[in-house]
Amino acid sequence: MRYRSTSFGHLKVLIFVSFFLGACSHTVQMDGNYPSPIGDQLPITVGFYLSEDFKSFTYKEDSEDREEWNISTGRAQKNLFETVLGSMFTDTVSLSSYPQEVPANVELVIVPEVRELQFTMPRETRVNIFEVWIKYNMTAFDPSGGQVANWVITAYGKTPTAFLQSQEQALTQAINIALRDAGANLYTGFGKVPELQAFLSGKRRSLSLREIKVKAKKAE
């Protein structure tokens, strides 16, 4: 009888531990859609390659001093980069592979990669507010695979209010703001990268020379 009682006590402990661990597991699935930026488009044809790792990116937090978090931003950042890049240039091509099968009209290929995702917990900020930092490594290649430029995009977002129903909802809002910040930094910062400035200047000169030649032929 004593053995059976001890076994039942162990069973209750296991049930409690399993319940406690399950209660401390959080899942966030980002599925955001983002508006297109409004502005002048750069007159080049750009291909962009979003790898499977990028499109299915999931951050997992399972440290000893934090609860378990599974944060999937892949689908949202895919939507974001497709929208922003599609608005930046006169023509864009989504590449299913790279450097193979690059269309002949593509002048530049852009490949983003998630370098880092960090966030602070409410108990660390002392209010029900999450803060999120995301860092992207951006690389631009010529059609043959030669590197043209490499730069970093950093993004920040925080929960706009502490009065939310759940931690998942709070973190979702913070990530969504961070992704919008990433899109804005991609859009406004592209032309400020020195190597890309030189690349775009060369394209503009080539375009101007072609226009001059066309006008000269028409005048003959």
N, C-alpha and C. Protein backbone atom coordinates (compact mmCIF):
# COMPACT_ATOMS: atom_id res chain seq x y z
N MET A 1 0.83 -1.20 0.00
CA MET A 1 0.00 0.00 0.00
C MET A 1 0.87 1.26 0.00
N ARG A 2 1.97 1.19 0.76
CA ARG A 2 2.85 2.34 0.83
C ARG A 2 3.48 2.62 -0.54
N TYR A 3 3.84 1.58 -1.27
CA TYR A 3 4.43 1.72 -2.60
C TYR A 3 3.44 2.34 -3.58
N ARG A 4 2.20 1.90 -3.51
CA ARG A 4 1.17 2.44 -4.42
C ARG A 4 0.92 3.90 -4.12
N SER A 5 0.93 4.28 -2.84
CA SER A 5 0.71 5.67 -2.47
C SER A 5 1.85 6.55 -3.00
N THR A 6 3.09 6.06 -2.90
CA THR A 6 4.24 6.82 -3.40
C THR A 6 4.16 7.01 -4.91
N SER A 7 3.76 5.97 -5.63
CA SER A 7 3.63 6.06 -7.08
C SER A 7 2.59 7.09 -7.47
N PHE A 8 1.48 7.11 -6.71
CA PHE A 8 0.43 8.08 -7.01
C PHE A 8 0.94 9.50 -6.77
N GLY A 9 1.76 9.66 -5.72
CA GLY A 9 2.33 10.98 -5.46
C GLY A 9 3.26 11.41 -6.57
N HIS A 10 4.06 10.48 -7.08
CA HIS A 10 4.95 10.80 -8.21
C HIS A 10 4.13 11.18 -9.44
N LEU A 11 3.03 10.50 -9.66
CA LEU A 11 2.18 10.78 -10.82
C LEU A 11 1.62 12.19 -10.73
N LYS A 12 1.20 12.61 -9.52
CA LYS A 12 0.66 13.95 -9.36
C LYS A 12 1.74 15.00 -9.64
N VAL A 13 2.98 14.72 -9.21
CA VAL A 13 4.08 15.65 -9.46
C VAL A 13 4.34 15.77 -10.95
N LEU A 14 4.33 14.64 -11.67
CA LEU A 14 4.58 14.66 -13.11
C LEU A 14 3.49 15.42 -13.84
N ILE A 15 2.24 15.23 -13.42
CA ILE A 15 1.13 15.95 -14.06
C ILE A 15 1.29 17.44 -13.84
N PHE A 16 1.66 17.82 -12.61
CA PHE A 16 1.82 19.24 -12.29
C PHE A 16 2.95 19.85 -13.11
N VAL A 17 4.09 19.14 -13.18
CA VAL A 17 5.24 19.64 -13.94
C VAL A 17 4.90 19.79 -15.41
N SER A 18 4.20 18.79 -15.97
CA SER A 18 3.81 18.84 -17.38
C SER A 18 2.89 20.01 -17.65
N PHE A 19 1.94 20.23 -16.74
CA PHE A 19 1.01 21.36 -16.90
C PHE A 19 1.75 22.69 -16.82
N PHE A 20 2.69 22.77 -15.85
CA PHE A 20 3.44 24.01 -15.65
C PHE A 20 4.28 24.34 -16.87
N LEU A 21 4.96 23.33 -17.43
CA LEU A 21 5.78 23.55 -18.61
C LEU A 21 4.94 23.96 -19.80
N GLY A 22 3.76 23.32 -19.95
CA GLY A 22 2.89 23.68 -21.06
C GLY A 22 2.37 25.09 -20.93
N ALA A 23 2.10 25.51 -19.68
CA ALA A 23 1.58 26.86 -19.45
C ALA A 23 2.63 27.92 -19.75
N CYS A 24 3.92 27.56 -19.71
CA CYS A 24 4.99 28.52 -19.93
C CYS A 24 5.48 28.53 -21.38
N SER A 25 4.80 27.84 -22.25
CA SER A 25 5.18 27.80 -23.66
C SER A 25 4.31 28.79 -24.44
N HIS A 26 4.94 29.63 -25.23
CA HIS A 26 4.22 30.66 -25.99
C HIS A 26 4.56 30.53 -27.47
N THR A 27 3.56 30.73 -28.32
CA THR A 27 3.74 30.66 -29.77
C THR A 27 3.20 31.94 -30.40
N VAL A 28 4.02 32.55 -31.26
CA VAL A 28 3.60 33.75 -31.99
C VAL A 28 3.81 33.49 -33.47
N GLN A 29 2.75 33.62 -34.24
CA GLN A 29 2.79 33.41 -35.70
C GLN A 29 2.48 34.73 -36.38
N MET A 30 3.46 35.31 -37.07
CA MET A 30 3.28 36.59 -37.74
C MET A 30 2.82 36.37 -39.17
N ASP A 31 1.71 37.02 -39.54
CA ASP A 31 1.16 36.88 -40.90
C ASP A 31 0.84 38.25 -41.50
N GLY A 32 1.65 39.24 -41.17
CA GLY A 32 1.31 40.61 -41.53
C GLY A 32 1.32 40.91 -43.02
N ASN A 33 0.46 41.85 -43.40
CA ASN A 33 0.47 42.44 -44.73
C ASN A 33 0.82 43.91 -44.59
N TYR A 34 1.61 44.44 -45.50
CA TYR A 34 2.15 45.77 -45.33
C TYR A 34 1.88 46.63 -46.56
N PRO A 35 1.60 47.92 -46.35
CA PRO A 35 1.31 48.80 -47.49
C PRO A 35 2.56 49.10 -48.30
N SER A 36 2.37 49.41 -49.56
CA SER A 36 3.49 49.75 -50.44
C SER A 36 3.96 51.17 -50.16
N PRO A 37 5.27 51.39 -50.04
CA PRO A 37 5.78 52.76 -49.89
C PRO A 37 5.47 53.58 -51.14
N ILE A 38 5.29 54.87 -50.94
CA ILE A 38 4.99 55.77 -52.06
C ILE A 38 6.20 56.65 -52.31
N GLY A 39 6.69 56.65 -53.55
CA GLY A 39 7.84 57.47 -53.90
C GLY A 39 8.34 57.12 -55.29
N ASP A 40 9.39 57.82 -55.71
CA ASP A 40 9.96 57.57 -57.04
C ASP A 40 10.66 56.21 -57.07
N GLN A 41 10.46 55.49 -58.16
CA GLN A 41 11.11 54.19 -58.31
C GLN A 41 12.45 54.35 -59.01
N LEU A 42 13.41 53.54 -58.59
CA LEU A 42 14.72 53.55 -59.24
C LEU A 42 14.62 52.82 -60.58
N PRO A 43 15.17 53.38 -61.64
CA PRO A 43 14.97 52.84 -63.01
C PRO A 43 15.86 51.65 -63.34
N ILE A 44 15.76 50.59 -62.56
CA ILE A 44 16.53 49.37 -62.85
C ILE A 44 15.63 48.16 -62.61
N THR A 45 16.04 47.04 -63.18
CA THR A 45 15.33 45.77 -62.97
C THR A 45 16.10 44.96 -61.94
N VAL A 46 15.43 44.63 -60.85
CA VAL A 46 16.09 43.97 -59.72
C VAL A 46 15.44 42.61 -59.47
N GLY A 47 16.28 41.61 -59.30
CA GLY A 47 15.81 40.32 -58.85
C GLY A 47 16.05 40.20 -57.35
N PHE A 48 15.18 39.51 -56.64
CA PHE A 48 15.42 39.28 -55.22
C PHE A 48 15.17 37.81 -54.90
N TYR A 49 16.04 37.30 -54.05
CA TYR A 49 15.96 35.89 -53.68
C TYR A 49 15.71 35.78 -52.18
N LEU A 50 14.57 35.21 -51.82
CA LEU A 50 14.22 34.96 -50.42
C LEU A 50 14.37 33.46 -50.19
N SER A 51 15.36 33.07 -49.42
CA SER A 51 15.63 31.66 -49.19
C SER A 51 14.52 31.02 -48.36
N GLU A 52 14.49 29.69 -48.36
CA GLU A 52 13.50 28.98 -47.55
C GLU A 52 13.69 29.27 -46.07
N ASP A 53 14.94 29.41 -45.64
CA ASP A 53 15.20 29.76 -44.24
C ASP A 53 14.62 31.13 -43.91
N PHE A 54 14.71 32.06 -44.85
CA PHE A 54 14.18 33.40 -44.64
C PHE A 54 12.65 33.37 -44.59
N LYS A 55 12.04 32.64 -45.50
CA LYS A 55 10.57 32.61 -45.59
C LYS A 55 9.91 31.80 -44.48
N SER A 56 10.68 30.96 -43.81
CA SER A 56 10.12 30.14 -42.73
C SER A 56 10.83 30.40 -41.40
N PHE A 57 11.43 31.57 -41.28
CA PHE A 57 12.26 31.86 -40.10
C PHE A 57 11.44 31.77 -38.81
N THR A 58 11.97 31.02 -37.85
CA THR A 58 11.36 30.90 -36.53
C THR A 58 12.44 31.04 -35.47
N TYR A 59 12.20 31.96 -34.55
CA TYR A 59 13.11 32.16 -33.44
C TYR A 59 12.60 31.37 -32.23
N LYS A 60 13.48 30.63 -31.59
CA LYS A 60 13.10 29.82 -30.43
C LYS A 60 13.88 30.28 -29.21
N GLU A 61 13.16 30.65 -28.18
CA GLU A 61 13.75 31.08 -26.91
C GLU A 61 13.45 30.02 -25.87
N ASP A 62 14.49 29.40 -25.35
CA ASP A 62 14.29 28.33 -24.37
C ASP A 62 15.45 28.33 -23.38
N SER A 63 15.74 29.51 -22.83
CA SER A 63 16.84 29.62 -21.86
C SER A 63 16.33 29.29 -20.46
N GLU A 64 17.25 29.12 -19.54
CA GLU A 64 16.88 28.71 -18.18
C GLU A 64 16.12 29.80 -17.43
N ASP A 65 16.39 31.06 -17.72
CA ASP A 65 15.77 32.14 -16.98
C ASP A 65 14.59 32.78 -17.72
N ARG A 66 14.15 32.14 -18.82
CA ARG A 66 12.99 32.65 -19.56
C ARG A 66 12.04 31.52 -19.90
N GLU A 67 10.79 31.89 -20.15
CA GLU A 67 9.82 30.92 -20.61
C GLU A 67 10.12 30.55 -22.07
N GLU A 68 9.50 29.48 -22.53
CA GLU A 68 9.73 29.02 -23.91
C GLU A 68 8.89 29.85 -24.88
N TRP A 69 9.54 30.36 -25.91
CA TRP A 69 8.86 31.12 -26.95
C TRP A 69 9.23 30.56 -28.32
N ASN A 70 8.22 30.42 -29.18
CA ASN A 70 8.43 30.06 -30.59
C ASN A 70 7.82 31.18 -31.42
N ILE A 71 8.70 31.96 -32.06
CA ILE A 71 8.27 33.17 -32.76
C ILE A 71 8.55 33.01 -34.25
N SER A 72 7.50 32.90 -35.04
CA SER A 72 7.63 32.71 -36.47
C SER A 72 7.36 34.03 -37.19
N THR A 73 8.41 34.59 -37.80
CA THR A 73 8.26 35.84 -38.55
C THR A 73 8.43 35.64 -40.05
N GLY A 74 8.69 34.41 -40.48
CA GLY A 74 9.02 34.15 -41.88
C GLY A 74 7.99 34.63 -42.88
N ARG A 75 6.73 34.29 -42.64
CA ARG A 75 5.69 34.66 -43.61
C ARG A 75 5.51 36.17 -43.68
N ALA A 76 5.56 36.82 -42.52
CA ALA A 76 5.37 38.27 -42.49
C ALA A 76 6.52 39.00 -43.16
N GLN A 77 7.76 38.59 -42.88
CA GLN A 77 8.88 39.29 -43.50
C GLN A 77 8.97 38.99 -44.99
N LYS A 78 8.50 37.84 -45.43
CA LYS A 78 8.39 37.56 -46.87
C LYS A 78 7.45 38.58 -47.51
N ASN A 79 6.27 38.76 -46.91
CA ASN A 79 5.31 39.73 -47.44
C ASN A 79 5.89 41.14 -47.44
N LEU A 80 6.59 41.48 -46.36
CA LEU A 80 7.16 42.81 -46.24
C LEU A 80 8.20 43.08 -47.32
N PHE A 81 9.17 42.19 -47.49
CA PHE A 81 10.25 42.43 -48.44
C PHE A 81 9.74 42.39 -49.88
N GLU A 82 8.81 41.50 -50.17
CA GLU A 82 8.22 41.49 -51.52
C GLU A 82 7.53 42.81 -51.82
N THR A 83 6.80 43.34 -50.85
CA THR A 83 6.07 44.59 -51.06
C THR A 83 7.00 45.78 -51.21
N VAL A 84 7.96 45.89 -50.31
CA VAL A 84 8.87 47.05 -50.32
C VAL A 84 9.77 47.02 -51.55
N LEU A 85 10.40 45.89 -51.82
CA LEU A 85 11.28 45.80 -52.99
C LEU A 85 10.50 46.01 -54.28
N GLY A 86 9.27 45.52 -54.32
CA GLY A 86 8.44 45.71 -55.51
C GLY A 86 8.08 47.16 -55.76
N SER A 87 8.17 47.99 -54.72
CA SER A 87 7.85 49.41 -54.85
C SER A 87 9.07 50.28 -55.13
N MET A 88 10.25 49.73 -54.93
CA MET A 88 11.47 50.54 -55.02
C MET A 88 12.01 50.68 -56.43
N PHE A 89 11.69 49.73 -57.31
CA PHE A 89 12.31 49.68 -58.64
C PHE A 89 11.24 49.61 -59.72
N THR A 90 11.63 50.00 -60.93
CA THR A 90 10.66 49.99 -62.02
C THR A 90 10.22 48.58 -62.37
N ASP A 91 11.07 47.60 -62.11
CA ASP A 91 10.69 46.21 -62.37
C ASP A 91 11.43 45.30 -61.39
N THR A 92 10.72 44.34 -60.84
CA THR A 92 11.33 43.37 -59.92
C THR A 92 10.96 41.95 -60.34
N VAL A 93 11.85 41.03 -60.04
CA VAL A 93 11.64 39.62 -60.37
C VAL A 93 11.94 38.80 -59.11
N SER A 94 10.97 37.99 -58.69
CA SER A 94 11.19 37.09 -57.56
C SER A 94 11.88 35.84 -58.08
N LEU A 95 13.08 35.55 -57.55
CA LEU A 95 13.87 34.42 -58.03
C LEU A 95 13.63 33.19 -57.17
N SER A 96 13.36 32.07 -57.81
CA SER A 96 13.15 30.82 -57.07
C SER A 96 14.46 30.17 -56.68
N SER A 97 15.55 30.57 -57.33
CA SER A 97 16.88 30.07 -56.99
C SER A 97 17.91 31.14 -57.36
N TYR A 98 19.09 31.02 -56.77
CA TYR A 98 20.16 31.97 -57.09
C TYR A 98 21.49 31.31 -56.72
N PRO A 99 22.54 31.45 -57.58
CA PRO A 99 22.65 32.31 -58.76
C PRO A 99 22.19 31.68 -60.07
N GLN A 100 21.55 30.53 -60.01
CA GLN A 100 21.06 29.90 -61.24
C GLN A 100 19.79 30.60 -61.72
N GLU A 101 19.56 30.51 -63.01
CA GLU A 101 18.30 30.93 -63.63
C GLU A 101 17.95 32.39 -63.39
N VAL A 102 18.94 33.26 -63.54
CA VAL A 102 18.69 34.70 -63.43
C VAL A 102 18.30 35.22 -64.81
N PRO A 103 17.13 35.85 -64.95
CA PRO A 103 16.71 36.36 -66.26
C PRO A 103 17.72 37.37 -66.82
N ALA A 104 17.80 37.43 -68.12
CA ALA A 104 18.81 38.26 -68.78
C ALA A 104 18.61 39.75 -68.50
N ASN A 105 17.38 40.18 -68.21
CA ASN A 105 17.13 41.61 -68.01
C ASN A 105 17.41 42.08 -66.59
N VAL A 106 17.74 41.17 -65.67
CA VAL A 106 18.00 41.54 -64.27
C VAL A 106 19.38 42.21 -64.17
N GLU A 107 19.41 43.39 -63.56
CA GLU A 107 20.65 44.16 -63.44
C GLU A 107 21.29 44.04 -62.06
N LEU A 108 20.50 43.66 -61.06
CA LEU A 108 20.99 43.56 -59.69
C LEU A 108 20.14 42.53 -58.96
N VAL A 109 20.78 41.77 -58.06
CA VAL A 109 20.07 40.76 -57.27
C VAL A 109 20.26 41.08 -55.79
N ILE A 110 19.18 41.11 -55.05
CA ILE A 110 19.22 41.41 -53.62
C ILE A 110 18.84 40.17 -52.82
N VAL A 111 19.65 39.85 -51.82
CA VAL A 111 19.41 38.67 -50.98
C VAL A 111 19.44 39.09 -49.51
N PRO A 112 18.30 39.06 -48.81
CA PRO A 112 18.28 39.37 -47.38
C PRO A 112 18.45 38.12 -46.53
N GLU A 113 18.96 38.32 -45.32
CA GLU A 113 19.15 37.22 -44.39
C GLU A 113 18.93 37.74 -42.97
N VAL A 114 18.21 36.98 -42.15
CA VAL A 114 18.02 37.37 -40.76
C VAL A 114 19.29 37.08 -39.99
N ARG A 115 19.89 38.11 -39.42
CA ARG A 115 21.10 37.91 -38.63
C ARG A 115 20.77 37.71 -37.15
N GLU A 116 19.76 38.45 -36.65
CA GLU A 116 19.52 38.40 -35.21
C GLU A 116 18.11 38.89 -34.89
N LEU A 117 17.49 38.28 -33.89
CA LEU A 117 16.22 38.75 -33.32
C LEU A 117 16.35 38.68 -31.81
N GLN A 118 16.05 39.80 -31.14
CA GLN A 118 16.10 39.86 -29.69
C GLN A 118 14.84 40.54 -29.18
N PHE A 119 14.45 40.21 -27.95
CA PHE A 119 13.32 40.89 -27.35
C PHE A 119 13.47 40.91 -25.83
N THR A 120 12.83 41.91 -25.21
CA THR A 120 12.80 41.99 -23.75
C THR A 120 11.44 41.55 -23.25
N MET A 121 11.43 40.91 -22.09
CA MET A 121 10.22 40.40 -21.47
C MET A 121 9.58 41.49 -20.60
N PRO A 122 8.27 41.39 -20.35
CA PRO A 122 7.61 42.36 -19.46
C PRO A 122 8.23 42.43 -18.07
N ARG A 123 8.67 41.31 -17.53
CA ARG A 123 9.26 41.35 -16.20
C ARG A 123 10.63 42.02 -16.22
N GLU A 124 11.21 42.16 -17.42
CA GLU A 124 12.48 42.86 -17.55
C GLU A 124 12.27 44.36 -17.76
N THR A 125 11.15 44.72 -18.41
CA THR A 125 10.81 46.13 -18.60
C THR A 125 9.92 46.65 -17.48
N ARG A 126 9.45 45.73 -16.60
CA ARG A 126 8.63 46.04 -15.43
C ARG A 126 7.21 46.49 -15.77
N VAL A 127 6.84 46.45 -17.02
CA VAL A 127 5.45 46.68 -17.45
C VAL A 127 5.15 45.67 -18.56
N ASN A 128 3.88 45.54 -18.92
CA ASN A 128 3.50 44.57 -19.94
C ASN A 128 3.80 45.10 -21.34
N ILE A 129 5.06 45.43 -21.53
CA ILE A 129 5.52 45.95 -22.82
C ILE A 129 6.72 45.14 -23.29
N PHE A 130 6.66 44.67 -24.51
CA PHE A 130 7.79 43.99 -25.13
C PHE A 130 8.56 44.98 -26.01
N GLU A 131 9.86 44.82 -26.07
CA GLU A 131 10.69 45.54 -27.03
C GLU A 131 11.39 44.52 -27.92
N VAL A 132 11.47 44.81 -29.21
CA VAL A 132 12.01 43.86 -30.18
C VAL A 132 13.05 44.55 -31.05
N TRP A 133 14.15 43.84 -31.27
CA TRP A 133 15.19 44.30 -32.20
C TRP A 133 15.41 43.20 -33.23
N ILE A 134 15.42 43.58 -34.50
CA ILE A 134 15.70 42.63 -35.58
C ILE A 134 16.82 43.21 -36.44
N LYS A 135 17.75 42.36 -36.81
CA LYS A 135 18.87 42.79 -37.66
C LYS A 135 18.90 41.90 -38.90
N TYR A 136 18.93 42.56 -40.07
CA TYR A 136 19.00 41.85 -41.35
C TYR A 136 20.34 42.14 -42.02
N ASN A 137 20.92 41.11 -42.57
CA ASN A 137 22.10 41.27 -43.41
C ASN A 137 21.64 41.31 -44.87
N MET A 138 21.97 42.38 -45.58
CA MET A 138 21.55 42.56 -46.96
C MET A 138 22.76 42.47 -47.88
N THR A 139 22.63 41.72 -48.95
CA THR A 139 23.71 41.61 -49.93
C THR A 139 23.14 41.83 -51.33
N ALA A 140 23.85 42.63 -52.11
CA ALA A 140 23.47 42.87 -53.50
C ALA A 140 24.55 42.27 -54.40
N PHE A 141 24.11 41.55 -55.41
CA PHE A 141 25.02 40.89 -56.35
C PHE A 141 24.75 41.37 -57.77
N ASP A 142 25.76 41.26 -58.63
CA ASP A 142 25.50 41.44 -60.05
C ASP A 142 24.95 40.12 -60.60
N PRO A 143 24.43 40.10 -61.81
CA PRO A 143 23.79 38.88 -62.33
C PRO A 143 24.68 37.65 -62.37
N SER A 144 25.99 37.87 -62.43
CA SER A 144 26.91 36.72 -62.50
C SER A 144 27.31 36.22 -61.12
N GLY A 145 26.86 36.87 -60.06
CA GLY A 145 27.16 36.41 -58.71
C GLY A 145 28.23 37.20 -57.99
N GLY A 146 28.78 38.22 -58.60
CA GLY A 146 29.78 39.05 -57.94
C GLY A 146 29.12 40.00 -56.95
N GLN A 147 29.71 40.15 -55.77
CA GLN A 147 29.12 41.01 -54.75
C GLN A 147 29.29 42.48 -55.10
N VAL A 148 28.19 43.20 -55.07
CA VAL A 148 28.20 44.64 -55.32
C VAL A 148 28.23 45.42 -54.01
N ALA A 149 27.43 44.98 -53.04
CA ALA A 149 27.36 45.70 -51.76
C ALA A 149 26.86 44.77 -50.67
N ASN A 150 27.25 45.11 -49.44
CA ASN A 150 26.77 44.39 -48.27
C ASN A 150 26.48 45.42 -47.18
N TRP A 151 25.28 45.38 -46.63
CA TRP A 151 24.93 46.35 -45.59
C TRP A 151 23.95 45.71 -44.61
N VAL A 152 23.73 46.40 -43.50
CA VAL A 152 22.90 45.88 -42.41
C VAL A 152 21.69 46.78 -42.20
N ILE A 153 20.54 46.16 -42.03
CA ILE A 153 19.31 46.89 -41.67
C ILE A 153 18.96 46.52 -40.24
N THR A 154 18.79 47.50 -39.39
CA THR A 154 18.35 47.26 -38.02
C THR A 154 16.93 47.82 -37.85
N ALA A 155 16.15 47.13 -37.04
CA ALA A 155 14.76 47.53 -36.84
C ALA A 155 14.41 47.41 -35.37
N TYR A 156 13.53 48.29 -34.91
CA TYR A 156 13.11 48.30 -33.51
C TYR A 156 11.60 48.49 -33.42
N GLY A 157 11.00 47.81 -32.47
CA GLY A 157 9.57 47.98 -32.22
C GLY A 157 9.26 47.68 -30.77
N LYS A 158 8.22 48.33 -30.26
CA LYS A 158 7.77 48.02 -28.90
C LYS A 158 6.26 48.06 -28.84
N THR A 159 5.71 47.37 -27.87
CA THR A 159 4.27 47.35 -27.67
C THR A 159 3.80 48.77 -27.38
N PRO A 160 2.81 49.27 -28.13
CA PRO A 160 2.39 50.66 -27.93
C PRO A 160 1.60 50.90 -26.66
N THR A 161 1.10 49.86 -26.02
CA THR A 161 0.33 50.02 -24.79
C THR A 161 0.55 48.83 -23.88
N ALA A 162 0.47 49.06 -22.59
CA ALA A 162 0.64 47.97 -21.62
C ALA A 162 -0.66 47.24 -21.35
N PHE A 163 -1.77 47.78 -21.84
CA PHE A 163 -3.07 47.21 -21.52
C PHE A 163 -3.52 46.25 -22.62
N LEU A 164 -2.91 45.08 -22.66
CA LEU A 164 -3.24 44.06 -23.64
C LEU A 164 -3.63 42.77 -22.93
N GLN A 165 -4.39 41.93 -23.63
CA GLN A 165 -4.95 40.76 -22.99
C GLN A 165 -3.92 39.67 -22.72
N SER A 166 -2.88 39.58 -23.53
CA SER A 166 -1.95 38.48 -23.38
C SER A 166 -0.54 38.92 -23.76
N GLN A 167 0.45 38.15 -23.31
CA GLN A 167 1.83 38.41 -23.70
C GLN A 167 2.04 38.18 -25.19
N GLU A 168 1.36 37.16 -25.73
CA GLU A 168 1.47 36.89 -27.16
C GLU A 168 1.00 38.08 -27.99
N GLN A 169 -0.11 38.69 -27.57
CA GLN A 169 -0.63 39.85 -28.29
C GLN A 169 0.34 41.02 -28.20
N ALA A 170 0.93 41.21 -27.03
CA ALA A 170 1.88 42.30 -26.84
C ALA A 170 3.11 42.11 -27.71
N LEU A 171 3.66 40.89 -27.74
CA LEU A 171 4.85 40.64 -28.55
C LEU A 171 4.54 40.75 -30.03
N THR A 172 3.36 40.29 -30.44
CA THR A 172 2.96 40.39 -31.84
C THR A 172 2.95 41.84 -32.31
N GLN A 173 2.41 42.73 -31.49
CA GLN A 173 2.37 44.14 -31.86
C GLN A 173 3.78 44.72 -31.96
N ALA A 174 4.65 44.35 -31.02
CA ALA A 174 6.01 44.87 -31.05
C ALA A 174 6.76 44.40 -32.29
N ILE A 175 6.60 43.13 -32.66
CA ILE A 175 7.26 42.60 -33.85
C ILE A 175 6.72 43.27 -35.11
N ASN A 176 5.42 43.48 -35.15
CA ASN A 176 4.82 44.11 -36.32
C ASN A 176 5.38 45.52 -36.54
N ILE A 177 5.57 46.26 -35.45
CA ILE A 177 6.15 47.60 -35.55
C ILE A 177 7.61 47.51 -35.99
N ALA A 178 8.34 46.52 -35.47
CA ALA A 178 9.74 46.34 -35.87
C ALA A 178 9.85 46.01 -37.35
N LEU A 179 8.95 45.17 -37.87
CA LEU A 179 8.98 44.83 -39.29
C LEU A 179 8.68 46.05 -40.16
N ARG A 180 7.74 46.87 -39.73
CA ARG A 180 7.46 48.11 -40.47
C ARG A 180 8.69 49.02 -40.47
N ASP A 181 9.38 49.05 -39.35
CA ASP A 181 10.60 49.85 -39.26
C ASP A 181 11.68 49.31 -40.20
N ALA A 182 11.77 47.98 -40.30
CA ALA A 182 12.72 47.37 -41.23
C ALA A 182 12.40 47.75 -42.67
N GLY A 183 11.11 47.72 -43.03
CA GLY A 183 10.71 48.11 -44.37
C GLY A 183 11.05 49.56 -44.69
N ALA A 184 10.81 50.44 -43.72
CA ALA A 184 11.13 51.86 -43.91
C ALA A 184 12.63 52.07 -44.07
N ASN A 185 13.42 51.36 -43.27
CA ASN A 185 14.87 51.50 -43.36
C ASN A 185 15.42 50.93 -44.66
N LEU A 186 14.83 49.85 -45.14
CA LEU A 186 15.22 49.31 -46.44
C LEU A 186 14.94 50.32 -47.55
N TYR A 187 13.77 50.91 -47.52
CA TYR A 187 13.33 51.83 -48.57
C TYR A 187 14.17 53.10 -48.58
N THR A 188 14.38 53.69 -47.40
CA THR A 188 15.09 54.98 -47.34
C THR A 188 16.61 54.83 -47.34
N GLY A 189 17.10 53.67 -46.93
CA GLY A 189 18.54 53.52 -46.78
C GLY A 189 19.25 52.93 -47.98
N PHE A 190 18.51 52.36 -48.93
CA PHE A 190 19.13 51.67 -50.06
C PHE A 190 20.09 52.59 -50.82
N GLY A 191 19.61 53.76 -51.18
CA GLY A 191 20.41 54.68 -51.99
C GLY A 191 21.54 55.35 -51.22
N LYS A 192 21.62 55.13 -49.90
CA LYS A 192 22.67 55.74 -49.08
C LYS A 192 23.88 54.83 -48.92
N VAL A 193 23.76 53.58 -49.34
CA VAL A 193 24.90 52.66 -49.28
C VAL A 193 25.90 53.08 -50.35
N PRO A 194 27.15 53.40 -49.99
CA PRO A 194 28.11 53.95 -50.96
C PRO A 194 28.26 53.12 -52.23
N GLU A 195 28.39 51.81 -52.08
CA GLU A 195 28.57 50.95 -53.26
C GLU A 195 27.34 50.99 -54.17
N LEU A 196 26.17 51.08 -53.56
CA LEU A 196 24.94 51.15 -54.36
C LEU A 196 24.77 52.52 -55.00
N GLN A 197 25.23 53.57 -54.32
CA GLN A 197 25.23 54.89 -54.93
C GLN A 197 26.06 54.89 -56.21
N ALA A 198 27.25 54.28 -56.14
CA ALA A 198 28.11 54.21 -57.32
C ALA A 198 27.47 53.37 -58.42
N PHE A 199 26.85 52.26 -58.02
CA PHE A 199 26.17 51.39 -59.00
C PHE A 199 25.04 52.13 -59.70
N LEU A 200 24.21 52.84 -58.93
CA LEU A 200 23.08 53.56 -59.51
C LEU A 200 23.56 54.72 -60.38
N SER A 201 24.64 55.39 -59.98
CA SER A 201 25.18 56.48 -60.80
C SER A 201 25.65 55.96 -62.16
N GLY A 202 26.29 54.80 -62.15
CA GLY A 202 26.71 54.19 -63.40
C GLY A 202 25.53 53.83 -64.29
N LYS A 203 24.47 53.32 -63.70
CA LYS A 203 23.27 52.98 -64.47
C LYS A 203 22.63 54.24 -65.06
N ARG A 204 22.61 55.32 -64.28
CA ARG A 204 22.01 56.56 -64.77
C ARG A 204 22.82 57.13 -65.94
N ARG A 205 24.16 57.05 -65.84
CA ARG A 205 25.00 57.53 -66.94
C ARG A 205 24.77 56.72 -68.20
N SER A 206 24.66 55.40 -68.03
CA SER A 206 24.41 54.54 -69.19
C SER A 206 23.07 54.86 -69.82
N LEU A 207 22.07 55.10 -68.97
CA LEU A 207 20.74 55.43 -69.47
C LEU A 207 20.75 56.76 -70.20
N SER A 208 21.48 57.74 -69.66
CA SER A 208 21.57 59.06 -70.30
C SER A 208 22.27 58.96 -71.65
N LEU A 209 23.32 58.17 -71.73
CA LEU A 209 24.04 58.01 -73.00
C LEU A 209 23.15 57.36 -74.04
N ARG A 210 22.36 56.36 -73.63
CA ARG A 210 21.45 55.72 -74.59
C ARG A 210 20.40 56.71 -75.08
N GLU A 211 19.90 57.55 -74.18
CA GLU A 211 18.89 58.55 -74.58
C GLU A 211 19.49 59.56 -75.55
N ILE A 212 20.74 59.93 -75.30
CA ILE A 212 21.40 60.89 -76.20
C ILE A 212 21.59 60.28 -77.58
N LYS A 213 21.98 59.01 -77.62
CA LYS A 213 22.18 58.34 -78.91
C LYS A 213 20.87 58.21 -79.66
N VAL A 214 19.79 57.88 -78.93
CA VAL A 214 18.48 57.75 -79.57
C VAL A 214 18.05 59.10 -80.17
N LYS A 215 18.22 60.17 -79.41
CA LYS A 215 17.85 61.49 -79.90
C LYS A 215 18.71 61.89 -81.11
N ALA A 216 19.99 61.52 -81.09
CA ALA A 216 20.88 61.87 -82.20
C ALA A 216 20.45 61.14 -83.48
N LYS A 217 20.05 59.88 -83.33
CA LYS A 217 19.59 59.14 -84.51
C LYS A 217 18.31 59.72 -85.07
N LYS A 218 17.41 60.12 -84.20
CA LYS A 218 16.15 60.71 -84.66
C LYS A 218 16.39 62.04 -85.37
N ALA A 219 17.43 62.76 -84.95
CA ALA A 219 17.72 64.07 -85.55
C ALA A 219 18.40 63.96 -86.90
N GLU A 220 18.96 62.78 -87.23
CA GLU A 220 19.66 62.62 -88.52
C GLU A 220 18.69 62.65 -89.70
